[in-house]
Amino acid sequence: MELVIPTIEMKQAALDYRQEYFDHGEMAIHGDSGFDEAATYEDWLDKLVEDLTRDDGYFVPATTYFGVVNGEIVGTLQIRHKLNDALRKGGGHIGFGIRPSRRRKGYATKMLTIALEKCREMGIDEVLIICYKTNTGSAKTIINNGGVLDSEYVDDCGNVGQRYWVSTGP
């Protein structure tokens, strides 16, 4: 497993990755920085470059990766370089998703492990990761990486979210 910055050379594999979600009836891809809604792959790549330095009060700088295993895109992951009030409430430092056909194989846990190392390199000592209470797979992934449940909240749609903190220290 490696985390790779998306490139134009990955276009067809990325489009296939996105289509698998859609074919599975999932229109939202977690940790994708809007790839699920992008008009074109090229537009999305341009957005990812903007995301690296975007800091306007609503958006914070962020880096988006593909999780790749043996040349196959198995997941997406975004690291937000800092938190603002909105991310403290319902987004956190890291968002991630695994393609439907590759779930329950340990890829999310490994992807998050690598992301936490990258956070440590960025100087982020405590990482906030949030998931819905009904998403037991994500909760297990977070806990497997040292996540400690801090609190629960109810979002505007009535979903119960859980806030976990993970230390990136030794």
C-alpha atoms as a PDB file:
ATOM      1  CA  MET A   1       0.000   0.000   0.000  1.00  0.00           C
ATOM      2  CA  GLU A   2       1.180   3.477  -0.817  1.00  0.00           C
ATOM      3  CA  LEU A   3      -0.452   6.886  -0.823  1.00  0.00           C
ATOM      4  CA  VAL A   4       0.014   8.555  -4.194  1.00  0.00           C
ATOM      5  CA  ILE A   5      -0.825  12.065  -5.353  1.00  0.00           C
ATOM      6  CA  PRO A   6      -3.248  11.684  -8.296  1.00  0.00           C
ATOM      7  CA  THR A   7      -1.766  12.351 -11.745  1.00  0.00           C
ATOM      8  CA  ILE A   8      -3.087  12.597 -15.292  1.00  0.00           C
ATOM      9  CA  GLU A   9      -1.544   9.190 -16.016  1.00  0.00           C
ATOM     10  CA  MET A  10      -3.981   7.666 -13.516  1.00  0.00           C
ATOM     11  CA  LYS A  11      -7.040   9.062 -15.304  1.00  0.00           C
ATOM     12  CA  GLN A  12      -8.634   5.844 -16.572  1.00  0.00           C
ATOM     13  CA  ALA A  13      -7.952   3.920 -13.356  1.00  0.00           C
ATOM     14  CA  ALA A  14      -9.422   6.829 -11.393  1.00  0.00           C
ATOM     15  CA  LEU A  15     -12.537   7.001 -13.541  1.00  0.00           C
ATOM     16  CA  ASP A  16     -12.993   3.242 -13.138  1.00  0.00           C
ATOM     17  CA  TYR A  17     -12.593   3.666  -9.365  1.00  0.00           C
ATOM     18  CA  ARG A  18     -15.273   6.368  -9.296  1.00  0.00           C
ATOM     19  CA  GLN A  19     -17.612   4.371 -11.527  1.00  0.00           C
ATOM     20  CA  GLU A  20     -17.418   1.386  -9.186  1.00  0.00           C
ATOM     21  CA  TYR A  21     -18.865   3.544  -6.407  1.00  0.00           C
ATOM     22  CA  PHE A  22     -21.655   4.762  -8.674  1.00  0.00           C
ATOM     23  CA  ASP A  23     -22.411   1.233  -9.907  1.00  0.00           C
ATOM     24  CA  HIS A  24     -22.639   0.191  -6.258  1.00  0.00           C
ATOM     25  CA  GLY A  25     -25.262   2.894  -5.659  1.00  0.00           C
ATOM     26  CA  GLU A  26     -22.899   5.198  -3.763  1.00  0.00           C
ATOM     27  CA  MET A  27     -22.806   8.730  -5.111  1.00  0.00           C
ATOM     28  CA  ALA A  28     -20.462  10.097  -2.425  1.00  0.00           C
ATOM     29  CA  ILE A  29     -16.822   9.075  -2.115  1.00  0.00           C
ATOM     30  CA  HIS A  30     -15.222   9.934   1.209  1.00  0.00           C
ATOM     31  CA  GLY A  31     -11.805  11.581   1.219  1.00  0.00           C
ATOM     32  CA  ASP A  32     -11.984  12.435  -2.487  1.00  0.00           C
ATOM     33  CA  SER A  33     -12.032  16.272  -2.438  1.00  0.00           C
ATOM     34  CA  GLY A  34     -14.992  16.358  -4.782  1.00  0.00           C
ATOM     35  CA  PHE A  35     -13.925  13.742  -7.347  1.00  0.00           C
ATOM     36  CA  ASP A  36     -17.418  12.259  -7.099  1.00  0.00           C
ATOM     37  CA  GLU A  37     -18.848  15.568  -8.398  1.00  0.00           C
ATOM     38  CA  ALA A  38     -16.089  16.748 -10.752  1.00  0.00           C
ATOM     39  CA  ALA A  39     -17.084  17.564 -14.339  1.00  0.00           C
ATOM     40  CA  THR A  40     -13.769  16.203 -15.641  1.00  0.00           C
ATOM     41  CA  TYR A  41     -10.755  14.435 -14.194  1.00  0.00           C
ATOM     42  CA  GLU A  42      -8.563  17.333 -15.336  1.00  0.00           C
ATOM     43  CA  ASP A  43     -10.755  19.852 -13.482  1.00  0.00           C
ATOM     44  CA  TRP A  44     -10.425  17.729 -10.349  1.00  0.00           C
ATOM     45  CA  LEU A  45      -6.625  17.607 -10.658  1.00  0.00           C
ATOM     46  CA  ASP A  46      -6.587  21.418 -10.925  1.00  0.00           C
ATOM     47  CA  LYS A  47      -8.732  21.628  -7.782  1.00  0.00           C
ATOM     48  CA  LEU A  48      -6.300  19.374  -5.899  1.00  0.00           C
ATOM     49  CA  VAL A  49      -3.469  21.794  -6.664  1.00  0.00           C
ATOM     50  CA  GLU A  50      -5.601  24.710  -5.407  1.00  0.00           C
ATOM     51  CA  ASP A  51      -6.493  22.715  -2.271  1.00  0.00           C
ATOM     52  CA  LEU A  52      -2.834  22.549  -1.234  1.00  0.00           C
ATOM     53  CA  THR A  53      -2.802  26.250  -0.343  1.00  0.00           C
ATOM     54  CA  ARG A  54      -6.491  27.201  -0.117  1.00  0.00           C
ATOM     55  CA  ASP A  55      -7.125  28.861   3.235  1.00  0.00           C
ATOM     56  CA  ASP A  56     -10.125  31.168   3.093  1.00  0.00           C
ATOM     57  CA  GLY A  57     -11.847  30.644   6.426  1.00  0.00           C
ATOM     58  CA  TYR A  58     -14.081  27.882   5.097  1.00  0.00           C
ATOM     59  CA  PHE A  59     -11.493  25.710   3.358  1.00  0.00           C
ATOM     60  CA  VAL A  60      -8.125  24.813   4.839  1.00  0.00           C
ATOM     61  CA  PRO A  61      -5.032  23.548   3.020  1.00  0.00           C
ATOM     62  CA  ALA A  62      -5.418  19.860   2.191  1.00  0.00           C
ATOM     63  CA  THR A  63      -3.642  17.062   0.331  1.00  0.00           C
ATOM     64  CA  THR A  64      -5.587  14.312  -1.427  1.00  0.00           C
ATOM     65  CA  TYR A  65      -4.154  10.887  -2.203  1.00  0.00           C
ATOM     66  CA  PHE A  66      -5.084   7.653  -3.881  1.00  0.00           C
ATOM     67  CA  GLY A  67      -4.408   4.519  -1.867  1.00  0.00           C
ATOM     68  CA  VAL A  68      -2.701   2.198  -4.343  1.00  0.00           C
ATOM     69  CA  VAL A  69      -1.979  -1.535  -4.037  1.00  0.00           C
ATOM     70  CA  ASN A  70      -0.124  -3.319  -6.842  1.00  0.00           C
ATOM     71  CA  GLY A  71      -1.036  -0.520  -9.243  1.00  0.00           C
ATOM     72  CA  GLU A  72      -4.756  -0.567  -8.370  1.00  0.00           C
ATOM     73  CA  ILE A  73      -6.528   2.396  -6.789  1.00  0.00           C
ATOM     74  CA  VAL A  74      -8.245   0.958  -3.719  1.00  0.00           C
ATOM     75  CA  GLY A  75      -9.070   4.162  -1.855  1.00  0.00           C
ATOM     76  CA  THR A  76      -9.012   7.915  -1.516  1.00  0.00           C
ATOM     77  CA  LEU A  77      -7.749   9.858   1.461  1.00  0.00           C
ATOM     78  CA  GLN A  78      -7.552  13.562   2.240  1.00  0.00           C
ATOM     79  CA  ILE A  79      -5.416  15.130   4.958  1.00  0.00           C
ATOM     80  CA  ARG A  80      -6.514  18.586   6.080  1.00  0.00           C
ATOM     81  CA  HIS A  81      -3.415  20.363   7.313  1.00  0.00           C
ATOM     82  CA  LYS A  82      -5.229  22.159  10.135  1.00  0.00           C
ATOM     83  CA  LEU A  83      -8.672  22.418  11.682  1.00  0.00           C
ATOM     84  CA  ASN A  84     -11.193  25.233  11.579  1.00  0.00           C
ATOM     85  CA  ASP A  85     -14.479  25.359  13.484  1.00  0.00           C
ATOM     86  CA  ALA A  86     -16.399  23.460  10.799  1.00  0.00           C
ATOM     87  CA  LEU A  87     -13.829  20.646  10.675  1.00  0.00           C
ATOM     88  CA  ARG A  88     -13.738  20.400  14.472  1.00  0.00           C
ATOM     89  CA  LYS A  89     -17.487  19.956  14.396  1.00  0.00           C
ATOM     90  CA  GLY A  90     -17.911  17.523  11.538  1.00  0.00           C
ATOM     91  CA  GLY A  91     -14.957  16.809   9.274  1.00  0.00           C
ATOM     92  CA  GLY A  92     -11.709  16.290  11.125  1.00  0.00           C
ATOM     93  CA  HIS A  93      -8.167  16.143   9.797  1.00  0.00           C
ATOM     94  CA  ILE A  94      -8.624  13.021   7.663  1.00  0.00           C
ATOM     95  CA  GLY A  95     -11.349  11.671   5.424  1.00  0.00           C
ATOM     96  CA  PHE A  96     -11.019   8.333   3.646  1.00  0.00           C
ATOM     97  CA  GLY A  97     -12.932   5.839   1.561  1.00  0.00           C
ATOM     98  CA  ILE A  98     -12.316   2.375   0.109  1.00  0.00           C
ATOM     99  CA  ARG A  99     -13.785   1.181  -3.182  1.00  0.00           C
ATOM    100  CA  PRO A 100     -16.675  -1.235  -2.632  1.00  0.00           C
ATOM    101  CA  SER A 101     -14.929  -4.343  -4.006  1.00  0.00           C
ATOM    102  CA  ARG A 102     -11.892  -3.862  -1.751  1.00  0.00           C
ATOM    103  CA  ARG A 103     -13.571  -3.299   1.622  1.00  0.00           C
ATOM    104  CA  ARG A 104     -12.937  -5.554   4.631  1.00  0.00           C
ATOM    105  CA  LYS A 105      -9.438  -6.446   3.458  1.00  0.00           C
ATOM    106  CA  GLY A 106      -7.445  -4.174   5.810  1.00  0.00           C
ATOM    107  CA  TYR A 107      -6.720  -1.487   3.212  1.00  0.00           C
ATOM    108  CA  ALA A 108      -8.366   1.319   5.176  1.00  0.00           C
ATOM    109  CA  THR A 109      -6.340   0.496   8.285  1.00  0.00           C
ATOM    110  CA  LYS A 110      -3.084   0.506   6.328  1.00  0.00           C
ATOM    111  CA  MET A 111      -4.014   3.661   4.437  1.00  0.00           C
ATOM    112  CA  LEU A 112      -4.793   5.457   7.691  1.00  0.00           C
ATOM    113  CA  THR A 113      -1.542   4.239   9.258  1.00  0.00           C
ATOM    114  CA  ILE A 114       0.432   5.823   6.415  1.00  0.00           C
ATOM    115  CA  ALA A 115      -1.660   9.013   6.619  1.00  0.00           C
ATOM    116  CA  LEU A 116      -0.920   9.350  10.331  1.00  0.00           C
ATOM    117  CA  GLU A 117       2.802   9.139   9.541  1.00  0.00           C
ATOM    118  CA  LYS A 118       2.340  11.953   7.018  1.00  0.00           C
ATOM    119  CA  CYS A 119       0.455  13.987   9.645  1.00  0.00           C
ATOM    120  CA  ARG A 120       3.346  13.513  12.072  1.00  0.00           C
ATOM    121  CA  GLU A 121       5.752  14.733   9.366  1.00  0.00           C
ATOM    122  CA  MET A 122       3.521  17.829   8.944  1.00  0.00           C
ATOM    123  CA  GLY A 123       3.744  18.518  12.669  1.00  0.00           C
ATOM    124  CA  ILE A 124       0.196  17.437  13.506  1.00  0.00           C
ATOM    125  CA  ASP A 125       0.560  15.653  16.860  1.00  0.00           C
ATOM    126  CA  GLU A 126      -3.126  14.962  17.547  1.00  0.00           C
ATOM    127  CA  VAL A 127      -5.387  14.034  14.641  1.00  0.00           C
ATOM    128  CA  LEU A 128      -9.163  14.341  14.737  1.00  0.00           C
ATOM    129  CA  ILE A 129     -11.011  11.713  12.691  1.00  0.00           C
ATOM    130  CA  ILE A 130     -14.784  11.657  12.512  1.00  0.00           C
ATOM    131  CA  CYS A 131     -17.197   9.001  11.283  1.00  0.00           C
ATOM    132  CA  TYR A 132     -20.861   8.224  11.627  1.00  0.00           C
ATOM    133  CA  LYS A 133     -21.751   5.880  14.470  1.00  0.00           C
ATOM    134  CA  THR A 134     -23.404   3.526  11.959  1.00  0.00           C
ATOM    135  CA  ASN A 135     -20.123   3.213  10.024  1.00  0.00           C
ATOM    136  CA  THR A 136     -18.628   0.464  12.151  1.00  0.00           C
ATOM    137  CA  GLY A 137     -15.935  -0.280   9.561  1.00  0.00           C
ATOM    138  CA  SER A 138     -14.521   3.237   9.774  1.00  0.00           C
ATOM    139  CA  ALA A 139     -14.770   3.255  13.565  1.00  0.00           C
ATOM    140  CA  LYS A 140     -12.843  -0.033  13.700  1.00  0.00           C
ATOM    141  CA  THR A 141     -10.209   1.380  11.324  1.00  0.00           C
ATOM    142  CA  ILE A 142      -9.773   4.460  13.507  1.00  0.00           C
ATOM    143  CA  ILE A 143      -9.595   2.414  16.719  1.00  0.00           C
ATOM    144  CA  ASN A 144      -7.079   0.022  15.106  1.00  0.00           C
ATOM    145  CA  ASN A 145      -4.864   3.065  14.565  1.00  0.00           C
ATOM    146  CA  GLY A 146      -5.070   4.170  18.197  1.00  0.00           C
ATOM    147  CA  GLY A 147      -8.205   6.292  17.973  1.00  0.00           C
ATOM    148  CA  VAL A 148      -9.869   7.207  21.254  1.00  0.00           C
ATOM    149  CA  LEU A 149     -13.533   8.213  21.195  1.00  0.00           C
ATOM    150  CA  ASP A 150     -13.856  11.770  22.470  1.00  0.00           C
ATOM    151  CA  SER A 151     -17.515  12.608  21.900  1.00  0.00           C
ATOM    152  CA  GLU A 152     -20.636  12.082  19.850  1.00  0.00           C
ATOM    153  CA  TYR A 153     -22.835  14.667  18.175  1.00  0.00           C
ATOM    154  CA  VAL A 154     -25.955  14.803  16.010  1.00  0.00           C
ATOM    155  CA  ASP A 155     -25.584  16.522  12.640  1.00  0.00           C
ATOM    156  CA  ASP A 156     -28.211  18.598  10.828  1.00  0.00           C
ATOM    157  CA  CYS A 157     -29.644  15.477   9.160  1.00  0.00           C
ATOM    158  CA  GLY A 158     -30.039  13.598  12.455  1.00  0.00           C
ATOM    159  CA  ASN A 159     -27.003  11.330  11.969  1.00  0.00           C
ATOM    160  CA  VAL A 160     -24.886  10.541  15.022  1.00  0.00           C
ATOM    161  CA  GLY A 161     -21.225  11.332  14.455  1.00  0.00           C
ATOM    162  CA  GLN A 162     -18.290  10.194  16.549  1.00  0.00           C
ATOM    163  CA  ARG A 163     -15.123  12.205  17.129  1.00  0.00           C
ATOM    164  CA  TYR A 164     -11.927  10.220  17.655  1.00  0.00           C
ATOM    165  CA  TRP A 165      -8.483  11.588  18.493  1.00  0.00           C
ATOM    166  CA  VAL A 166      -5.343   9.766  17.391  1.00  0.00           C
ATOM    167  CA  SER A 167      -1.856  10.616  18.598  1.00  0.00           C
ATOM    168  CA  THR A 168       0.835  10.579  15.902  1.00  0.00           C
ATOM    169  CA  GLY A 169       3.641  10.518  18.467  1.00  0.00           C
ATOM    170  CA  PRO A 170       5.921   7.582  19.164  1.00  0.00           C
END
